[in-house]
Amino acid sequence: NAQNALDQAKALAERKNQDQEALEHRVAELEAALEDTERQRAQLKAAMHTQEASCHQEQQDKAQVQAKLAQMQIHVKELESTEEMQQRKIMALEEECGRLQR
């Protein structure tokens, strides 16, 4: 009977040891998964910062293009105004020529 109790105690200790090993193995798996998740999070964060910087650069480029476009529009208006003045001068000169020819 004492031998039976001793065998049961040994079996219980062995099961407890196996359970402890299984728990330690599961903890190691979870720690590895956590490290992997943290690594992925860091990669995503870095990618997000890169994307934000790219977006900021695109916004700056767009603002520069818009400013250049506004300058060109002003220049076009100036050229149109100059052209109108020259057209008026030409018409005045043509009238003057017409009067002088008569």
N, C-alpha and C. Protein backbone atom coordinates (compact mmCIF):
# COMPACT_ATOMS: atom_id res chain seq x y z
N ASN A 1 0.82 -1.20 0.00
CA ASN A 1 0.00 0.00 0.00
C ASN A 1 0.86 1.26 0.00
N ALA A 2 1.93 1.20 0.79
CA ALA A 2 2.86 2.33 0.83
C ALA A 2 3.53 2.48 -0.53
N GLN A 3 3.82 1.35 -1.15
CA GLN A 3 4.43 1.39 -2.49
C GLN A 3 3.45 2.01 -3.49
N ASN A 4 2.18 1.69 -3.36
CA ASN A 4 1.15 2.24 -4.23
C ASN A 4 1.07 3.76 -4.06
N ALA A 5 1.11 4.21 -2.82
CA ALA A 5 1.07 5.65 -2.53
C ALA A 5 2.32 6.33 -3.09
N LEU A 6 3.45 5.66 -2.95
CA LEU A 6 4.70 6.19 -3.48
C LEU A 6 4.64 6.28 -5.00
N ASP A 7 4.10 5.25 -5.65
CA ASP A 7 3.95 5.27 -7.11
C ASP A 7 3.02 6.40 -7.56
N GLN A 8 1.92 6.56 -6.81
CA GLN A 8 0.97 7.64 -7.15
C GLN A 8 1.65 9.00 -7.00
N ALA A 9 2.43 9.15 -5.94
CA ALA A 9 3.14 10.42 -5.71
C ALA A 9 4.14 10.68 -6.82
N LYS A 10 4.85 9.62 -7.24
CA LYS A 10 5.80 9.77 -8.35
C LYS A 10 5.07 10.15 -9.64
N ALA A 11 3.95 9.49 -9.91
CA ALA A 11 3.17 9.77 -11.12
C ALA A 11 2.65 11.21 -11.08
N LEU A 12 2.19 11.62 -9.90
CA LEU A 12 1.69 12.99 -9.74
C LEU A 12 2.83 14.00 -9.95
N ALA A 13 3.99 13.71 -9.39
CA ALA A 13 5.15 14.59 -9.56
C ALA A 13 5.57 14.65 -11.03
N GLU A 14 5.52 13.50 -11.70
CA GLU A 14 5.88 13.46 -13.12
C GLU A 14 4.90 14.28 -13.94
N ARG A 15 3.58 14.12 -13.65
CA ARG A 15 2.57 14.90 -14.37
C ARG A 15 2.75 16.40 -14.11
N LYS A 16 3.03 16.73 -12.86
CA LYS A 16 3.25 18.13 -12.49
C LYS A 16 4.47 18.68 -13.23
N ASN A 17 5.50 17.89 -13.35
CA ASN A 17 6.71 18.28 -14.07
C ASN A 17 6.40 18.49 -15.55
N GLN A 18 5.62 17.57 -16.13
CA GLN A 18 5.25 17.69 -17.54
C GLN A 18 4.39 18.95 -17.75
N ASP A 19 3.46 19.21 -16.83
CA ASP A 19 2.61 20.40 -16.93
C ASP A 19 3.47 21.66 -16.86
N GLN A 20 4.46 21.64 -15.95
CA GLN A 20 5.36 22.80 -15.81
C GLN A 20 6.15 23.02 -17.09
N GLU A 21 6.66 21.94 -17.68
CA GLU A 21 7.40 22.05 -18.93
C GLU A 21 6.51 22.58 -20.06
N ALA A 22 5.27 22.09 -20.11
CA ALA A 22 4.33 22.55 -21.13
C ALA A 22 4.04 24.04 -20.94
N LEU A 23 3.85 24.45 -19.70
CA LEU A 23 3.61 25.87 -19.42
C LEU A 23 4.81 26.73 -19.82
N GLU A 24 6.00 26.27 -19.48
CA GLU A 24 7.21 27.02 -19.84
C GLU A 24 7.33 27.12 -21.36
N HIS A 25 7.01 26.04 -22.06
CA HIS A 25 7.07 26.04 -23.52
C HIS A 25 6.05 27.04 -24.08
N ARG A 26 4.83 27.04 -23.51
CA ARG A 26 3.79 27.96 -23.97
C ARG A 26 4.19 29.41 -23.69
N VAL A 27 4.79 29.68 -22.54
CA VAL A 27 5.26 31.03 -22.21
C VAL A 27 6.33 31.47 -23.22
N ALA A 28 7.23 30.57 -23.56
CA ALA A 28 8.27 30.90 -24.55
C ALA A 28 7.64 31.20 -25.90
N GLU A 29 6.63 30.42 -26.31
CA GLU A 29 5.93 30.69 -27.57
C GLU A 29 5.27 32.07 -27.55
N LEU A 30 4.59 32.36 -26.44
CA LEU A 30 3.89 33.65 -26.32
C LEU A 30 4.88 34.82 -26.32
N GLU A 31 6.02 34.64 -25.64
CA GLU A 31 7.03 35.70 -25.64
C GLU A 31 7.58 35.93 -27.05
N ALA A 32 7.80 34.85 -27.80
CA ALA A 32 8.29 34.98 -29.18
C ALA A 32 7.24 35.68 -30.04
N ALA A 33 5.97 35.32 -29.86
CA ALA A 33 4.89 35.97 -30.62
C ALA A 33 4.81 37.45 -30.27
N LEU A 34 4.97 37.77 -29.01
CA LEU A 34 4.95 39.17 -28.58
C LEU A 34 6.11 39.95 -29.20
N GLU A 35 7.29 39.36 -29.20
CA GLU A 35 8.44 40.02 -29.83
C GLU A 35 8.19 40.25 -31.32
N ASP A 36 7.61 39.24 -31.99
CA ASP A 36 7.30 39.36 -33.41
C ASP A 36 6.28 40.48 -33.63
N THR A 37 5.26 40.53 -32.79
CA THR A 37 4.24 41.57 -32.90
C THR A 37 4.85 42.95 -32.69
N GLU A 38 5.73 43.08 -31.71
CA GLU A 38 6.39 44.36 -31.45
C GLU A 38 7.29 44.77 -32.62
N ARG A 39 7.96 43.79 -33.22
CA ARG A 39 8.81 44.07 -34.38
C ARG A 39 7.94 44.55 -35.55
N GLN A 40 6.81 43.86 -35.78
CA GLN A 40 5.90 44.28 -36.85
C GLN A 40 5.35 45.68 -36.58
N ARG A 41 5.03 45.96 -35.34
CA ARG A 41 4.51 47.27 -34.96
C ARG A 41 5.54 48.36 -35.27
N ALA A 42 6.80 48.08 -34.93
CA ALA A 42 7.87 49.04 -35.21
C ALA A 42 8.02 49.26 -36.71
N GLN A 43 7.93 48.18 -37.49
CA GLN A 43 8.03 48.30 -38.95
C GLN A 43 6.88 49.12 -39.51
N LEU A 44 5.67 48.87 -39.01
CA LEU A 44 4.50 49.62 -39.47
C LEU A 44 4.62 51.10 -39.10
N LYS A 45 5.13 51.34 -37.89
CA LYS A 45 5.31 52.73 -37.45
C LYS A 45 6.32 53.44 -38.34
N ALA A 46 7.41 52.76 -38.68
CA ALA A 46 8.42 53.35 -39.55
C ALA A 46 7.83 53.59 -40.94
N ALA A 47 7.04 52.64 -41.44
CA ALA A 47 6.41 52.81 -42.75
C ALA A 47 5.43 53.98 -42.73
N MET A 48 4.73 54.12 -41.62
CA MET A 48 3.78 55.22 -41.48
C MET A 48 4.51 56.56 -41.50
N HIS A 49 5.63 56.64 -40.79
CA HIS A 49 6.42 57.89 -40.79
C HIS A 49 6.94 58.20 -42.19
N THR A 50 7.38 57.17 -42.89
CA THR A 50 7.86 57.36 -44.27
C THR A 50 6.73 57.88 -45.15
N GLN A 51 5.54 57.28 -44.98
CA GLN A 51 4.38 57.70 -45.77
C GLN A 51 3.99 59.15 -45.44
N GLU A 52 4.04 59.50 -44.16
CA GLU A 52 3.71 60.87 -43.76
C GLU A 52 4.70 61.87 -44.36
N ALA A 53 5.99 61.50 -44.34
CA ALA A 53 7.00 62.38 -44.92
C ALA A 53 6.78 62.54 -46.43
N SER A 54 6.44 61.44 -47.08
CA SER A 54 6.18 61.46 -48.52
C SER A 54 4.97 62.34 -48.82
N CYS A 55 3.94 62.21 -48.01
CA CYS A 55 2.71 63.01 -48.19
C CYS A 55 3.03 64.49 -47.99
N HIS A 56 3.83 64.78 -46.98
CA HIS A 56 4.22 66.18 -46.71
C HIS A 56 4.98 66.75 -47.90
N GLN A 57 5.90 65.93 -48.47
CA GLN A 57 6.67 66.38 -49.63
C GLN A 57 5.75 66.63 -50.81
N GLU A 58 4.77 65.74 -51.00
CA GLU A 58 3.82 65.91 -52.10
C GLU A 58 3.03 67.20 -51.93
N GLN A 59 2.64 67.51 -50.68
CA GLN A 59 1.89 68.74 -50.42
C GLN A 59 2.76 69.96 -50.72
N GLN A 60 4.03 69.89 -50.35
CA GLN A 60 4.94 71.00 -50.65
C GLN A 60 5.10 71.16 -52.16
N ASP A 61 5.27 70.05 -52.86
CA ASP A 61 5.41 70.09 -54.31
C ASP A 61 4.16 70.70 -54.94
N LYS A 62 3.00 70.28 -54.46
CA LYS A 62 1.73 70.78 -55.00
C LYS A 62 1.64 72.30 -54.76
N ALA A 63 2.03 72.74 -53.57
CA ALA A 63 1.99 74.18 -53.27
C ALA A 63 2.93 74.95 -54.19
N GLN A 64 4.11 74.38 -54.45
CA GLN A 64 5.05 75.04 -55.36
C GLN A 64 4.48 75.14 -56.77
N VAL A 65 3.84 74.06 -57.23
CA VAL A 65 3.24 74.05 -58.56
C VAL A 65 2.13 75.10 -58.63
N GLN A 66 1.32 75.17 -57.58
CA GLN A 66 0.22 76.14 -57.56
C GLN A 66 0.77 77.57 -57.57
N ALA A 67 1.85 77.81 -56.83
CA ALA A 67 2.45 79.15 -56.81
C ALA A 67 3.01 79.49 -58.20
N LYS A 68 3.66 78.53 -58.83
CA LYS A 68 4.20 78.75 -60.18
C LYS A 68 3.07 79.03 -61.17
N LEU A 69 1.98 78.27 -61.05
CA LEU A 69 0.82 78.48 -61.91
C LEU A 69 0.26 79.89 -61.73
N ALA A 70 0.16 80.33 -60.48
CA ALA A 70 -0.35 81.69 -60.21
C ALA A 70 0.57 82.74 -60.85
N GLN A 71 1.88 82.53 -60.76
CA GLN A 71 2.83 83.45 -61.39
C GLN A 71 2.63 83.48 -62.91
N MET A 72 2.45 82.29 -63.48
CA MET A 72 2.27 82.22 -64.93
C MET A 72 0.95 82.90 -65.34
N GLN A 73 -0.08 82.74 -64.54
CA GLN A 73 -1.36 83.38 -64.85
C GLN A 73 -1.21 84.91 -64.83
N ILE A 74 -0.48 85.41 -63.84
CA ILE A 74 -0.23 86.85 -63.77
C ILE A 74 0.54 87.30 -65.00
N HIS A 75 1.55 86.53 -65.38
CA HIS A 75 2.37 86.87 -66.54
C HIS A 75 1.51 86.88 -67.81
N VAL A 76 0.61 85.90 -67.94
CA VAL A 76 -0.29 85.84 -69.11
C VAL A 76 -1.16 87.10 -69.14
N LYS A 77 -1.70 87.49 -67.99
CA LYS A 77 -2.53 88.71 -67.94
C LYS A 77 -1.72 89.93 -68.34
N GLU A 78 -0.47 89.99 -67.88
CA GLU A 78 0.39 91.12 -68.25
C GLU A 78 0.63 91.12 -69.76
N LEU A 79 0.89 89.95 -70.33
CA LEU A 79 1.11 89.86 -71.78
C LEU A 79 -0.15 90.25 -72.55
N GLU A 80 -1.31 89.80 -72.07
CA GLU A 80 -2.56 90.15 -72.73
C GLU A 80 -2.79 91.66 -72.69
N SER A 81 -2.48 92.27 -71.55
CA SER A 81 -2.64 93.71 -71.39
C SER A 81 -1.69 94.45 -72.35
N THR A 82 -0.45 93.99 -72.43
CA THR A 82 0.53 94.59 -73.34
C THR A 82 0.07 94.43 -74.77
N GLU A 83 -0.47 93.25 -75.10
CA GLU A 83 -0.96 93.00 -76.46
C GLU A 83 -2.11 93.96 -76.79
N GLU A 84 -3.02 94.16 -75.84
CA GLU A 84 -4.14 95.08 -76.07
C GLU A 84 -3.62 96.49 -76.33
N MET A 85 -2.65 96.92 -75.52
CA MET A 85 -2.10 98.26 -75.70
C MET A 85 -1.45 98.38 -77.08
N GLN A 86 -0.73 97.35 -77.48
CA GLN A 86 -0.07 97.40 -78.79
C GLN A 86 -1.09 97.38 -79.92
N GLN A 87 -2.18 96.62 -79.73
CA GLN A 87 -3.25 96.61 -80.74
C GLN A 87 -3.84 98.02 -80.88
N ARG A 88 -4.07 98.69 -79.73
CA ARG A 88 -4.61 100.05 -79.79
C ARG A 88 -3.64 100.99 -80.50
N LYS A 89 -2.34 100.83 -80.21
CA LYS A 89 -1.33 101.68 -80.87
C LYS A 89 -1.34 101.44 -82.39
N ILE A 90 -1.41 100.15 -82.76
CA ILE A 90 -1.44 99.81 -84.19
C ILE A 90 -2.66 100.44 -84.85
N MET A 91 -3.82 100.33 -84.19
CA MET A 91 -5.04 100.90 -84.76
C MET A 91 -4.91 102.42 -84.89
N ALA A 92 -4.31 103.05 -83.86
CA ALA A 92 -4.13 104.50 -83.91
C ALA A 92 -3.18 104.88 -85.05
N LEU A 93 -2.10 104.09 -85.20
CA LEU A 93 -1.15 104.36 -86.28
C LEU A 93 -1.80 104.15 -87.64
N GLU A 94 -2.63 103.10 -87.76
CA GLU A 94 -3.33 102.87 -89.03
C GLU A 94 -4.27 104.02 -89.35
N GLU A 95 -4.95 104.51 -88.32
CA GLU A 95 -5.84 105.68 -88.54
C GLU A 95 -5.02 106.89 -88.98
N GLU A 96 -3.89 107.08 -88.32
CA GLU A 96 -3.02 108.21 -88.65
C GLU A 96 -2.53 108.08 -90.09
N CYS A 97 -2.13 106.88 -90.48
CA CYS A 97 -1.68 106.65 -91.85
C CYS A 97 -2.81 106.94 -92.84
N GLY A 98 -4.02 106.48 -92.50
CA GLY A 98 -5.17 106.72 -93.34
C GLY A 98 -5.44 108.21 -93.53
N ARG A 99 -5.33 108.97 -92.45
CA ARG A 99 -5.54 110.42 -92.54
C ARG A 99 -4.45 111.07 -93.36
N LEU A 100 -3.22 110.59 -93.18
CA LEU A 100 -2.11 111.19 -93.90
C LEU A 100 -2.18 110.88 -95.39
N GLN A 101 -2.72 109.72 -95.73
CA GLN A 101 -2.82 109.35 -97.15
C GLN A 101 -3.90 110.15 -97.86
N ARG A 102 -4.88 110.64 -97.10
CA ARG A 102 -5.97 111.40 -97.76
C ARG A 102 -5.55 112.78 -98.10
